[in-house]
């Protein structure tokens, strides 16, 4: 399973550290997120998480449904958490202590293997009004 959007203009990788809130109560595993939200652990094994959207942000737990799985095939379900507007705003901070997303043009795969040589500040070289959308 891989992250996809309508056009996949950018692809890359992501790394995250679980939040202290969840880690302190449940541990620092993907399954800890399911435990935090009281997912029925006899039926579902949380094996992943998907974050989708900007305005209508949603969190989906990727789970193995133990009741529908067979010995030959795990039955994977996407279990979407219902979030109100406040929940959408606060969810990233609840789930993660640190989050790093790195994206490149979809056709430029070689850049993802390179290391950074230097870090510089944008404003050392540019002046820009971020909110001027015209």
Protein backbone atom coordinates (compact mmCIF):
# COMPACT_ATOMS: atom_id res chain seq x y z
CA UNK A 1 0.00 0.00 0.00
CA UNK A 2 1.34 3.36 -0.95
CA UNK A 3 0.19 6.96 -0.62
CA UNK A 4 -1.70 8.19 -3.67
CA UNK A 5 -3.68 11.27 -4.63
CA UNK A 6 -5.49 12.16 -7.84
CA UNK A 7 -2.46 13.08 -9.98
CA UNK A 8 0.53 12.04 -7.81
CA UNK A 9 2.48 15.12 -8.93
CA UNK A 10 4.89 14.62 -6.01
CA UNK A 11 6.11 11.44 -4.35
CA UNK A 12 8.46 10.88 -1.47
CA UNK A 13 8.74 9.57 2.04
CA UNK A 14 7.60 10.34 5.55
CA UNK A 15 8.91 9.69 9.03
CA UNK A 16 7.20 10.39 12.34
CA UNK A 17 7.69 10.06 16.09
CA UNK A 18 4.62 9.10 18.09
CA UNK A 19 3.33 11.72 20.51
CA UNK A 20 4.27 11.58 24.18
CA UNK A 21 0.55 11.46 25.06
CA UNK A 22 0.01 8.15 23.25
CA UNK A 23 3.47 6.69 23.96
CA UNK A 24 3.17 7.27 27.72
CA UNK A 25 -0.25 5.62 27.89
CA UNK A 26 0.02 2.87 25.28
CA UNK A 27 3.61 2.56 23.93
CA UNK A 28 5.34 3.71 20.76
CA UNK A 29 3.94 1.38 18.11
CA UNK A 30 1.40 1.84 15.33
CA UNK A 31 -0.86 -0.49 17.32
CA UNK A 32 -0.62 1.98 20.23
CA UNK A 33 -2.67 4.46 18.20
CA UNK A 34 -5.42 1.86 17.86
CA UNK A 35 -5.24 1.13 21.58
CA UNK A 36 -5.51 4.86 22.34
CA UNK A 37 -8.75 5.02 20.32
CA UNK A 38 -10.06 1.78 21.91
CA UNK A 39 -10.10 -0.23 18.69
CA UNK A 40 -11.42 -3.75 19.32
CA UNK A 41 -8.08 -5.58 19.42
CA UNK A 42 -9.59 -9.05 19.27
CA UNK A 43 -11.13 -8.27 15.90
CA UNK A 44 -8.73 -5.67 14.47
CA UNK A 45 -4.95 -5.41 14.41
CA UNK A 46 -3.86 -1.84 13.56
CA UNK A 47 -0.91 -2.10 11.15
CA UNK A 48 -0.82 1.37 9.60
CA UNK A 49 -2.24 4.87 9.51
CA UNK A 50 -3.25 7.07 6.60
CA UNK A 51 -3.59 10.86 6.77
CA UNK A 52 -5.54 12.42 3.91
CA UNK A 53 -6.78 15.86 2.95
CA UNK A 54 -6.25 19.50 3.74
CA UNK A 55 -9.63 21.13 4.39
CA UNK A 56 -11.41 17.85 5.11
CA UNK A 57 -8.53 16.19 6.93
CA UNK A 58 -9.15 12.57 7.85
CA UNK A 59 -7.30 9.86 9.72
CA UNK A 60 -7.70 6.26 8.66
CA UNK A 61 -6.38 3.28 10.59
CA UNK A 62 -5.17 0.47 8.33
CA UNK A 63 -6.21 -2.75 10.06
CA UNK A 64 -6.21 -6.50 9.65
CA UNK A 65 -9.74 -7.77 10.28
CA UNK A 66 -9.05 -11.00 12.18
CA UNK A 67 -12.60 -12.29 11.68
CA UNK A 68 -12.50 -11.93 7.89
CA UNK A 69 -8.87 -13.00 7.44
CA UNK A 70 -8.00 -16.52 6.38
CA UNK A 71 -4.81 -18.48 6.83
CA UNK A 72 -3.93 -17.65 3.22
CA UNK A 73 -4.86 -13.94 3.20
CA UNK A 74 -5.11 -11.15 5.72
CA UNK A 75 -8.26 -9.10 5.17
CA UNK A 76 -7.21 -5.41 5.23
CA UNK A 77 -9.71 -2.69 6.12
CA UNK A 78 -9.39 1.08 6.23
CA UNK A 79 -11.14 2.32 9.38
CA UNK A 80 -11.76 6.08 9.16
CA UNK A 81 -12.00 8.08 12.39
CA UNK A 82 -14.86 10.56 12.45
CA UNK A 83 -13.42 14.00 13.22
CA UNK A 84 -15.23 17.25 13.85
CA UNK A 85 -13.55 20.56 12.91
CA UNK A 86 -11.74 20.76 16.25
CA UNK A 87 -10.56 17.16 15.98
CA UNK A 88 -9.18 17.85 12.50
CA UNK A 89 -7.15 20.77 13.87
CA UNK A 90 -5.75 18.86 16.85
CA UNK A 91 -5.22 15.37 15.44
CA UNK A 92 -1.64 15.77 14.11
CA UNK A 93 -0.46 17.05 17.49
CA UNK A 94 -2.26 14.24 19.30
CA UNK A 95 -0.73 11.54 17.09
CA UNK A 96 2.80 12.80 16.49
CA UNK A 97 5.58 14.53 18.37
CA UNK A 98 7.59 15.09 15.19
CA UNK A 99 6.62 14.69 11.54
CA UNK A 100 8.83 14.97 8.45
CA UNK A 101 7.48 14.79 4.91
CA UNK A 102 9.88 14.92 1.95
CA UNK A 103 8.47 15.27 -1.58
CA UNK A 104 9.98 15.45 -5.05
CA UNK A 105 8.58 15.66 -8.58
CA UNK A 106 7.22 12.21 -9.34
CA UNK A 107 9.66 11.61 -12.20
CA UNK A 108 12.78 12.75 -10.29
CA UNK A 109 13.45 9.58 -8.28
CA UNK A 110 17.23 10.06 -7.99
CA UNK A 111 16.91 13.06 -5.63
CA UNK A 112 15.43 10.93 -2.85
CA UNK A 113 18.74 9.03 -2.59
CA UNK A 114 20.87 12.18 -2.19
CA UNK A 115 21.95 13.77 1.09
CA UNK A 116 21.79 17.50 1.85
CA UNK A 117 25.14 19.31 1.65
CA UNK A 118 24.13 22.49 3.47
CA UNK A 119 21.16 24.17 5.18
CA UNK A 120 20.39 27.83 4.45
CA UNK A 121 17.57 30.20 5.43
CA UNK A 122 15.13 31.24 2.70
CA UNK A 123 15.13 34.87 3.87
CA UNK A 124 18.89 35.13 3.49
CA UNK A 125 18.36 35.04 -0.26
CA UNK A 126 14.74 36.13 -0.84
CA UNK A 127 11.98 38.52 0.21
CA UNK A 128 8.52 37.10 -0.26
CA UNK A 129 5.01 37.74 1.01
CA UNK A 130 3.67 34.21 1.59
CA UNK A 131 0.09 35.33 1.81
CA UNK A 132 0.03 37.33 -1.43
CA UNK A 133 -1.73 34.80 -3.63
CA UNK A 134 -2.17 37.16 -6.63
